[in-house]
Amino acid sequence: MIKVVVMSDSHGRNGRVDKVLFDERDADFFLHCGDLCSDSRNYPDVFFVRGNCDWDFDMPNYRVVDCGVIHILMVHGDGIWSTKRQLSEMARDKNCQICVFGHSHRYYDAEYNGVRLLNPGSLVNNRDDNELGYIVLEINEETGLYSVKRKVL
């Protein structure tokens, strides 16, 4: 079983990122979907994509993370990546079954066009009624079966 932790939009609140890393220290992968607003070199064990507020230009605009037979597309979600159709098409083009994204500061979990779309919400300021939080995926790397759980910070 592969454990993947997905967070986003921490906006310089590194203590909150540190808490997630500590609380989920048994994870195989940590994914941050942009707007870290800090130096990503402080987190060598985290996969990042660049958000619209990030100044760290070493971060890619998107990334694919392989978890056995499941592939996860990471994007921030601003600009052209703002609709479920566009997110699912990009994921399908990259042979990904899951797309994780941020930007909206709103928790989102839905399947669209055969792709699971997941937004963990923000670690700083959610724009919906959900508490601050992140997502934990547990993936069977051989069968592709997986579970999604949202955790509160």
N, C-alpha and C. Protein backbone atom coordinates (compact mmCIF):
# COMPACT_ATOMS: atom_id res chain seq x y z
N MET A 1 0.84 -1.17 0.00
CA MET A 1 0.00 0.00 0.00
C MET A 1 0.89 1.24 0.00
N ILE A 2 0.55 2.20 -0.87
CA ILE A 2 1.28 3.46 -0.94
C ILE A 2 0.41 4.55 -0.29
N LYS A 3 1.02 5.31 0.60
CA LYS A 3 0.31 6.42 1.25
C LYS A 3 0.80 7.73 0.67
N VAL A 4 -0.16 8.51 0.15
CA VAL A 4 0.13 9.80 -0.49
C VAL A 4 -0.63 10.89 0.26
N VAL A 5 0.09 11.91 0.70
CA VAL A 5 -0.51 13.04 1.39
C VAL A 5 -0.52 14.23 0.43
N VAL A 6 -1.70 14.85 0.28
CA VAL A 6 -1.88 15.97 -0.65
C VAL A 6 -2.30 17.21 0.13
N MET A 7 -1.53 18.28 -0.03
CA MET A 7 -1.85 19.55 0.61
C MET A 7 -1.70 20.67 -0.40
N SER A 8 -2.17 21.86 -0.06
CA SER A 8 -2.07 22.97 -0.98
C SER A 8 -2.25 24.29 -0.25
N ASP A 9 -1.82 25.35 -0.90
CA ASP A 9 -2.11 26.73 -0.50
C ASP A 9 -1.79 27.00 0.97
N SER A 10 -0.52 26.83 1.32
CA SER A 10 -0.08 27.12 2.68
C SER A 10 0.38 28.57 2.83
N HIS A 11 0.63 29.27 1.74
CA HIS A 11 0.91 30.71 1.71
C HIS A 11 1.89 31.17 2.80
N GLY A 12 3.03 30.48 2.87
CA GLY A 12 4.10 30.88 3.77
C GLY A 12 3.94 30.42 5.20
N ARG A 13 2.86 29.75 5.51
CA ARG A 13 2.65 29.24 6.88
C ARG A 13 3.34 27.88 7.00
N ASN A 14 4.65 27.92 7.04
CA ASN A 14 5.44 26.68 7.03
C ASN A 14 5.18 25.80 8.23
N GLY A 15 4.80 26.37 9.35
CA GLY A 15 4.48 25.57 10.53
C GLY A 15 3.34 24.60 10.26
N ARG A 16 2.42 24.99 9.40
CA ARG A 16 1.29 24.11 9.07
C ARG A 16 1.75 22.97 8.16
N VAL A 17 2.65 23.28 7.23
CA VAL A 17 3.23 22.23 6.40
C VAL A 17 4.02 21.27 7.28
N ASP A 18 4.81 21.82 8.20
CA ASP A 18 5.59 21.00 9.12
C ASP A 18 4.69 20.06 9.93
N LYS A 19 3.54 20.56 10.37
CA LYS A 19 2.61 19.74 11.15
C LYS A 19 2.09 18.56 10.33
N VAL A 20 1.74 18.81 9.07
CA VAL A 20 1.27 17.72 8.21
C VAL A 20 2.38 16.70 8.02
N LEU A 21 3.58 17.17 7.75
CA LEU A 21 4.72 16.25 7.56
C LEU A 21 4.95 15.41 8.82
N PHE A 22 4.83 16.02 9.99
CA PHE A 22 5.03 15.29 11.23
C PHE A 22 3.89 14.30 11.48
N ASP A 23 2.66 14.79 11.33
CA ASP A 23 1.50 13.93 11.62
C ASP A 23 1.40 12.74 10.67
N GLU A 24 1.91 12.89 9.47
CA GLU A 24 1.81 11.83 8.45
C GLU A 24 3.19 11.30 8.07
N ARG A 25 4.09 11.26 9.01
CA ARG A 25 5.49 10.91 8.72
C ARG A 25 5.69 9.52 8.12
N ASP A 26 4.66 8.67 8.15
CA ASP A 26 4.77 7.35 7.54
C ASP A 26 4.37 7.35 6.06
N ALA A 27 4.07 8.53 5.51
CA ALA A 27 3.65 8.61 4.10
C ALA A 27 4.81 8.29 3.16
N ASP A 28 4.46 7.75 2.00
CA ASP A 28 5.45 7.48 0.95
C ASP A 28 5.71 8.71 0.09
N PHE A 29 4.66 9.52 -0.11
CA PHE A 29 4.78 10.72 -0.93
C PHE A 29 4.03 11.87 -0.26
N PHE A 30 4.64 13.06 -0.32
CA PHE A 30 3.99 14.30 0.07
C PHE A 30 3.88 15.17 -1.18
N LEU A 31 2.66 15.60 -1.49
CA LEU A 31 2.42 16.44 -2.65
C LEU A 31 1.87 17.79 -2.18
N HIS A 32 2.41 18.86 -2.72
CA HIS A 32 1.92 20.21 -2.41
C HIS A 32 1.54 20.86 -3.73
N CYS A 33 0.27 21.24 -3.85
CA CYS A 33 -0.28 21.71 -5.12
C CYS A 33 -0.15 23.22 -5.32
N GLY A 34 0.87 23.82 -4.77
CA GLY A 34 1.18 25.21 -5.09
C GLY A 34 0.76 26.22 -4.04
N ASP A 35 1.32 27.41 -4.22
CA ASP A 35 1.21 28.53 -3.28
C ASP A 35 1.82 28.16 -1.93
N LEU A 36 3.02 27.56 -2.00
CA LEU A 36 3.83 27.37 -0.80
C LEU A 36 4.27 28.75 -0.29
N CYS A 37 4.64 29.64 -1.23
CA CYS A 37 5.08 31.00 -0.90
C CYS A 37 6.27 30.99 0.05
N SER A 38 7.17 30.06 -0.19
CA SER A 38 8.35 29.87 0.64
C SER A 38 9.37 29.14 -0.23
N ASP A 39 10.53 28.89 0.32
CA ASP A 39 11.59 28.22 -0.42
C ASP A 39 11.37 26.70 -0.38
N SER A 40 11.09 26.12 -1.52
CA SER A 40 10.81 24.68 -1.58
C SER A 40 12.02 23.84 -1.19
N ARG A 41 13.21 24.41 -1.21
CA ARG A 41 14.41 23.66 -0.81
C ARG A 41 14.37 23.30 0.68
N ASN A 42 13.50 23.97 1.44
CA ASN A 42 13.33 23.62 2.85
C ASN A 42 12.61 22.29 3.01
N TYR A 43 12.04 21.78 1.92
CA TYR A 43 11.23 20.56 1.96
C TYR A 43 11.68 19.60 0.85
N PRO A 44 12.86 19.00 1.01
CA PRO A 44 13.38 18.14 -0.06
C PRO A 44 12.56 16.87 -0.29
N ASP A 45 11.72 16.49 0.65
CA ASP A 45 10.94 15.26 0.51
C ASP A 45 9.52 15.52 0.01
N VAL A 46 9.24 16.75 -0.42
CA VAL A 46 7.91 17.11 -0.90
C VAL A 46 7.97 17.40 -2.39
N PHE A 47 7.00 16.88 -3.13
CA PHE A 47 6.84 17.21 -4.55
C PHE A 47 5.96 18.45 -4.64
N PHE A 48 6.43 19.47 -5.36
CA PHE A 48 5.70 20.72 -5.52
C PHE A 48 5.35 20.98 -6.98
N VAL A 49 4.28 21.75 -7.17
CA VAL A 49 4.03 22.45 -8.43
C VAL A 49 3.88 23.92 -8.08
N ARG A 50 4.16 24.77 -9.06
CA ARG A 50 4.16 26.21 -8.81
C ARG A 50 2.73 26.76 -8.83
N GLY A 51 2.42 27.55 -7.81
CA GLY A 51 1.15 28.25 -7.76
C GLY A 51 1.29 29.68 -8.23
N ASN A 52 0.19 30.36 -8.38
CA ASN A 52 0.22 31.73 -8.89
C ASN A 52 0.87 32.71 -7.93
N CYS A 53 1.05 32.36 -6.66
CA CYS A 53 1.71 33.23 -5.69
C CYS A 53 3.14 32.80 -5.38
N ASP A 54 3.61 31.74 -6.00
CA ASP A 54 4.96 31.24 -5.72
C ASP A 54 6.00 32.03 -6.49
N TRP A 55 7.12 32.27 -5.83
CA TRP A 55 8.24 32.95 -6.46
C TRP A 55 9.38 31.97 -6.78
N ASP A 56 9.23 30.73 -6.38
CA ASP A 56 10.25 29.70 -6.60
C ASP A 56 10.05 29.11 -7.99
N PHE A 57 10.79 29.62 -8.95
CA PHE A 57 10.58 29.23 -10.34
C PHE A 57 11.19 27.89 -10.70
N ASP A 58 11.81 27.20 -9.72
CA ASP A 58 12.28 25.83 -9.96
C ASP A 58 11.13 24.84 -9.89
N MET A 59 9.99 25.28 -9.39
CA MET A 59 8.83 24.40 -9.31
C MET A 59 8.21 24.27 -10.71
N PRO A 60 7.87 23.05 -11.11
CA PRO A 60 7.23 22.88 -12.42
C PRO A 60 5.76 23.31 -12.37
N ASN A 61 5.17 23.56 -13.53
CA ASN A 61 3.75 23.91 -13.62
C ASN A 61 2.85 22.71 -13.37
N TYR A 62 3.36 21.54 -13.72
CA TYR A 62 2.62 20.31 -13.43
C TYR A 62 3.63 19.20 -13.21
N ARG A 63 3.13 18.12 -12.65
CA ARG A 63 4.00 16.97 -12.36
C ARG A 63 3.13 15.72 -12.36
N VAL A 64 3.71 14.59 -12.78
CA VAL A 64 3.04 13.30 -12.70
C VAL A 64 3.78 12.45 -11.68
N VAL A 65 3.03 11.90 -10.74
CA VAL A 65 3.59 11.03 -9.70
C VAL A 65 3.07 9.62 -9.94
N ASP A 66 3.99 8.68 -10.09
CA ASP A 66 3.61 7.29 -10.35
C ASP A 66 3.50 6.52 -9.04
N CYS A 67 2.35 5.89 -8.86
CA CYS A 67 2.09 5.06 -7.67
C CYS A 67 1.64 3.68 -8.15
N GLY A 68 2.55 2.94 -8.73
CA GLY A 68 2.20 1.65 -9.30
C GLY A 68 1.37 1.85 -10.54
N VAL A 69 0.19 1.22 -10.59
CA VAL A 69 -0.66 1.34 -11.78
C VAL A 69 -1.47 2.64 -11.78
N ILE A 70 -1.44 3.38 -10.67
CA ILE A 70 -2.14 4.67 -10.59
C ILE A 70 -1.12 5.78 -10.81
N HIS A 71 -1.51 6.75 -11.64
CA HIS A 71 -0.68 7.93 -11.90
C HIS A 71 -1.48 9.16 -11.49
N ILE A 72 -0.80 10.06 -10.78
CA ILE A 72 -1.45 11.26 -10.24
C ILE A 72 -0.88 12.48 -10.94
N LEU A 73 -1.76 13.30 -11.51
CA LEU A 73 -1.36 14.58 -12.08
C LEU A 73 -1.50 15.64 -11.00
N MET A 74 -0.46 16.45 -10.83
CA MET A 74 -0.49 17.59 -9.91
C MET A 74 -0.46 18.87 -10.71
N VAL A 75 -1.37 19.80 -10.43
CA VAL A 75 -1.35 21.15 -10.98
C VAL A 75 -1.82 22.08 -9.87
N HIS A 76 -1.61 23.38 -10.07
CA HIS A 76 -2.12 24.31 -9.05
C HIS A 76 -3.61 24.56 -9.25
N GLY A 77 -3.99 24.91 -10.46
CA GLY A 77 -5.41 25.10 -10.73
C GLY A 77 -5.78 26.49 -11.20
N ASP A 78 -4.84 27.42 -11.24
CA ASP A 78 -5.16 28.75 -11.73
C ASP A 78 -5.05 28.78 -13.26
N GLY A 79 -5.45 29.84 -13.86
CA GLY A 79 -5.35 29.98 -15.31
C GLY A 79 -6.22 28.99 -16.04
N ILE A 80 -5.65 28.32 -17.02
CA ILE A 80 -6.45 27.42 -17.86
C ILE A 80 -6.85 26.14 -17.15
N TRP A 81 -6.30 25.87 -15.98
CA TRP A 81 -6.61 24.63 -15.28
C TRP A 81 -7.79 24.80 -14.32
N SER A 82 -8.66 25.71 -14.62
CA SER A 82 -9.69 26.07 -13.64
C SER A 82 -11.01 25.34 -13.81
N THR A 83 -11.15 24.49 -14.80
CA THR A 83 -12.42 23.78 -14.94
C THR A 83 -12.21 22.28 -14.86
N LYS A 84 -13.26 21.58 -14.45
CA LYS A 84 -13.14 20.13 -14.33
C LYS A 84 -12.91 19.47 -15.69
N ARG A 85 -13.45 20.03 -16.74
CA ARG A 85 -13.21 19.46 -18.08
C ARG A 85 -11.73 19.58 -18.44
N GLN A 86 -11.15 20.74 -18.24
CA GLN A 86 -9.74 20.94 -18.57
C GLN A 86 -8.82 20.08 -17.69
N LEU A 87 -9.14 20.01 -16.42
CA LEU A 87 -8.33 19.18 -15.51
C LEU A 87 -8.39 17.72 -15.92
N SER A 88 -9.58 17.22 -16.22
CA SER A 88 -9.71 15.80 -16.58
C SER A 88 -9.05 15.51 -17.93
N GLU A 89 -9.16 16.42 -18.88
CA GLU A 89 -8.51 16.22 -20.18
C GLU A 89 -6.99 16.17 -20.05
N MET A 90 -6.45 17.08 -19.26
CA MET A 90 -4.99 17.07 -19.07
C MET A 90 -4.55 15.79 -18.39
N ALA A 91 -5.30 15.35 -17.38
CA ALA A 91 -4.96 14.11 -16.69
C ALA A 91 -5.01 12.93 -17.66
N ARG A 92 -6.07 12.84 -18.44
CA ARG A 92 -6.20 11.74 -19.40
C ARG A 92 -5.08 11.78 -20.44
N ASP A 93 -4.70 12.97 -20.89
CA ASP A 93 -3.60 13.12 -21.86
C ASP A 93 -2.28 12.60 -21.29
N LYS A 94 -2.13 12.66 -19.97
CA LYS A 94 -0.90 12.23 -19.32
C LYS A 94 -1.05 10.85 -18.68
N ASN A 95 -2.12 10.12 -19.05
CA ASN A 95 -2.39 8.77 -18.56
C ASN A 95 -2.53 8.72 -17.04
N CYS A 96 -3.18 9.75 -16.48
CA CYS A 96 -3.39 9.82 -15.04
C CYS A 96 -4.85 9.54 -14.70
N GLN A 97 -5.04 8.81 -13.63
CA GLN A 97 -6.38 8.47 -13.17
C GLN A 97 -6.88 9.44 -12.10
N ILE A 98 -5.95 10.16 -11.49
CA ILE A 98 -6.27 11.12 -10.43
C ILE A 98 -5.60 12.45 -10.77
N CYS A 99 -6.31 13.55 -10.53
CA CYS A 99 -5.73 14.88 -10.67
C CYS A 99 -5.92 15.61 -9.34
N VAL A 100 -4.81 16.06 -8.75
CA VAL A 100 -4.87 16.85 -7.53
C VAL A 100 -4.51 18.29 -7.87
N PHE A 101 -5.24 19.21 -7.26
CA PHE A 101 -5.04 20.63 -7.58
C PHE A 101 -5.41 21.48 -6.37
N GLY A 102 -5.06 22.75 -6.42
CA GLY A 102 -5.35 23.68 -5.34
C GLY A 102 -6.01 24.94 -5.86
N HIS A 103 -5.50 26.08 -5.47
CA HIS A 103 -5.85 27.42 -5.92
C HIS A 103 -7.16 27.96 -5.36
N SER A 104 -8.21 27.19 -5.37
CA SER A 104 -9.53 27.73 -5.00
C SER A 104 -9.74 27.86 -3.50
N HIS A 105 -8.90 27.20 -2.70
CA HIS A 105 -9.07 27.16 -1.25
C HIS A 105 -10.41 26.53 -0.87
N ARG A 106 -10.86 25.61 -1.71
CA ARG A 106 -12.12 24.90 -1.48
C ARG A 106 -11.88 23.40 -1.65
N TYR A 107 -12.35 22.64 -0.67
CA TYR A 107 -12.26 21.19 -0.78
C TYR A 107 -13.15 20.72 -1.92
N TYR A 108 -12.62 19.76 -2.71
CA TYR A 108 -13.38 19.24 -3.84
C TYR A 108 -13.00 17.79 -4.04
N ASP A 109 -14.00 16.95 -4.25
CA ASP A 109 -13.78 15.53 -4.52
C ASP A 109 -14.90 15.07 -5.43
N ALA A 110 -14.57 14.81 -6.70
CA ALA A 110 -15.57 14.36 -7.66
C ALA A 110 -14.86 13.62 -8.78
N GLU A 111 -15.62 12.78 -9.45
CA GLU A 111 -15.10 12.11 -10.64
C GLU A 111 -15.72 12.79 -11.86
N TYR A 112 -14.87 13.06 -12.84
CA TYR A 112 -15.34 13.69 -14.07
C TYR A 112 -14.64 13.02 -15.24
N ASN A 113 -15.42 12.50 -16.16
CA ASN A 113 -14.87 11.90 -17.38
C ASN A 113 -13.83 10.82 -17.07
N GLY A 114 -14.09 10.04 -16.01
CA GLY A 114 -13.21 8.94 -15.66
C GLY A 114 -11.98 9.31 -14.86
N VAL A 115 -11.87 10.58 -14.42
CA VAL A 115 -10.72 11.05 -13.64
C VAL A 115 -11.23 11.53 -12.29
N ARG A 116 -10.57 11.10 -11.23
CA ARG A 116 -10.90 11.58 -9.88
C ARG A 116 -10.22 12.93 -9.69
N LEU A 117 -10.99 13.97 -9.42
CA LEU A 117 -10.48 15.32 -9.21
C LEU A 117 -10.52 15.63 -7.72
N LEU A 118 -9.37 15.97 -7.15
CA LEU A 118 -9.26 16.19 -5.71
C LEU A 118 -8.56 17.52 -5.41
N ASN A 119 -9.21 18.34 -4.62
CA ASN A 119 -8.61 19.56 -4.10
C ASN A 119 -8.69 19.47 -2.58
N PRO A 120 -7.55 19.49 -1.88
CA PRO A 120 -7.57 19.32 -0.43
C PRO A 120 -8.09 20.54 0.32
N GLY A 121 -8.29 21.65 -0.38
CA GLY A 121 -8.57 22.90 0.31
C GLY A 121 -7.26 23.53 0.73
N SER A 122 -7.32 24.50 1.60
CA SER A 122 -6.15 25.27 1.99
C SER A 122 -5.67 24.90 3.39
N LEU A 123 -4.38 25.13 3.63
CA LEU A 123 -3.83 25.01 4.97
C LEU A 123 -3.89 26.34 5.71
N VAL A 124 -4.44 27.38 5.06
CA VAL A 124 -4.44 28.72 5.64
C VAL A 124 -5.83 29.30 5.79
N ASN A 125 -6.58 29.37 4.70
CA ASN A 125 -7.84 30.09 4.72
C ASN A 125 -8.77 29.48 3.68
N ASN A 126 -9.66 28.59 4.12
CA ASN A 126 -10.61 28.01 3.18
C ASN A 126 -11.69 29.01 2.84
N ARG A 127 -12.16 28.94 1.60
CA ARG A 127 -13.21 29.83 1.12
C ARG A 127 -14.56 29.10 1.04
N ASP A 128 -14.66 28.04 1.79
CA ASP A 128 -15.92 27.32 1.93
C ASP A 128 -16.12 27.03 3.41
N ASP A 129 -17.06 26.23 3.75
CA ASP A 129 -17.34 25.97 5.16
C ASP A 129 -16.51 24.84 5.75
N ASN A 130 -15.56 24.31 4.97
CA ASN A 130 -14.72 23.22 5.47
C ASN A 130 -13.58 23.76 6.33
N GLU A 131 -13.16 22.94 7.29
CA GLU A 131 -12.01 23.30 8.11
C GLU A 131 -10.73 23.16 7.29
N LEU A 132 -9.66 23.78 7.77
CA LEU A 132 -8.36 23.64 7.12
C LEU A 132 -8.00 22.16 7.10
N GLY A 133 -7.42 21.69 5.99
CA GLY A 133 -7.10 20.28 5.95
C GLY A 133 -6.31 19.86 4.73
N TYR A 134 -6.18 18.55 4.62
CA TYR A 134 -5.41 17.93 3.54
C TYR A 134 -6.03 16.58 3.24
N ILE A 135 -5.53 15.91 2.23
CA ILE A 135 -6.07 14.63 1.79
C ILE A 135 -5.01 13.54 1.94
N VAL A 136 -5.46 12.36 2.33
CA VAL A 136 -4.60 11.18 2.38
C VAL A 136 -5.19 10.14 1.42
N LEU A 137 -4.36 9.71 0.48
CA LEU A 137 -4.72 8.63 -0.44
C LEU A 137 -3.96 7.39 -0.02
N GLU A 138 -4.64 6.26 0.01
CA GLU A 138 -3.98 4.98 0.20
C GLU A 138 -4.24 4.17 -1.05
N ILE A 139 -3.16 3.79 -1.74
CA ILE A 139 -3.24 3.20 -3.07
C ILE A 139 -2.60 1.82 -3.06
N ASN A 140 -3.34 0.84 -3.57
CA ASN A 140 -2.75 -0.47 -3.81
C ASN A 140 -2.04 -0.38 -5.16
N GLU A 141 -0.73 -0.41 -5.13
CA GLU A 141 0.06 -0.19 -6.34
C GLU A 141 -0.10 -1.29 -7.38
N GLU A 142 -0.62 -2.44 -7.00
CA GLU A 142 -0.81 -3.54 -7.95
C GLU A 142 -2.21 -3.55 -8.56
N THR A 143 -3.24 -3.34 -7.73
CA THR A 143 -4.62 -3.41 -8.24
C THR A 143 -5.15 -2.06 -8.71
N GLY A 144 -4.57 -0.97 -8.19
CA GLY A 144 -5.07 0.36 -8.52
C GLY A 144 -6.24 0.79 -7.65
N LEU A 145 -6.68 -0.06 -6.74
CA LEU A 145 -7.74 0.35 -5.83
C LEU A 145 -7.17 1.36 -4.84
N TYR A 146 -7.97 2.37 -4.51
CA TYR A 146 -7.48 3.40 -3.60
C TYR A 146 -8.62 3.96 -2.76
N SER A 147 -8.24 4.57 -1.65
CA SER A 147 -9.21 5.27 -0.81
C SER A 147 -8.76 6.71 -0.64
N VAL A 148 -9.72 7.58 -0.39
CA VAL A 148 -9.46 9.00 -0.19
C VAL A 148 -10.06 9.40 1.15
N LYS A 149 -9.23 10.07 1.96
CA LYS A 149 -9.71 10.55 3.24
C LYS A 149 -9.24 11.98 3.44
N ARG A 150 -10.15 12.85 3.80
CA ARG A 150 -9.76 14.22 4.13
C ARG A 150 -9.53 14.31 5.62
N LYS A 151 -8.42 14.94 5.99
CA LYS A 151 -8.08 15.11 7.39
C LYS A 151 -8.04 16.60 7.72
N VAL A 152 -8.44 16.91 8.94
CA VAL A 152 -8.45 18.29 9.41
C VAL A 152 -7.11 18.60 10.06
N LEU A 153 -6.60 19.79 9.79
CA LEU A 153 -5.30 20.21 10.32
C LEU A 153 -5.37 20.37 11.83
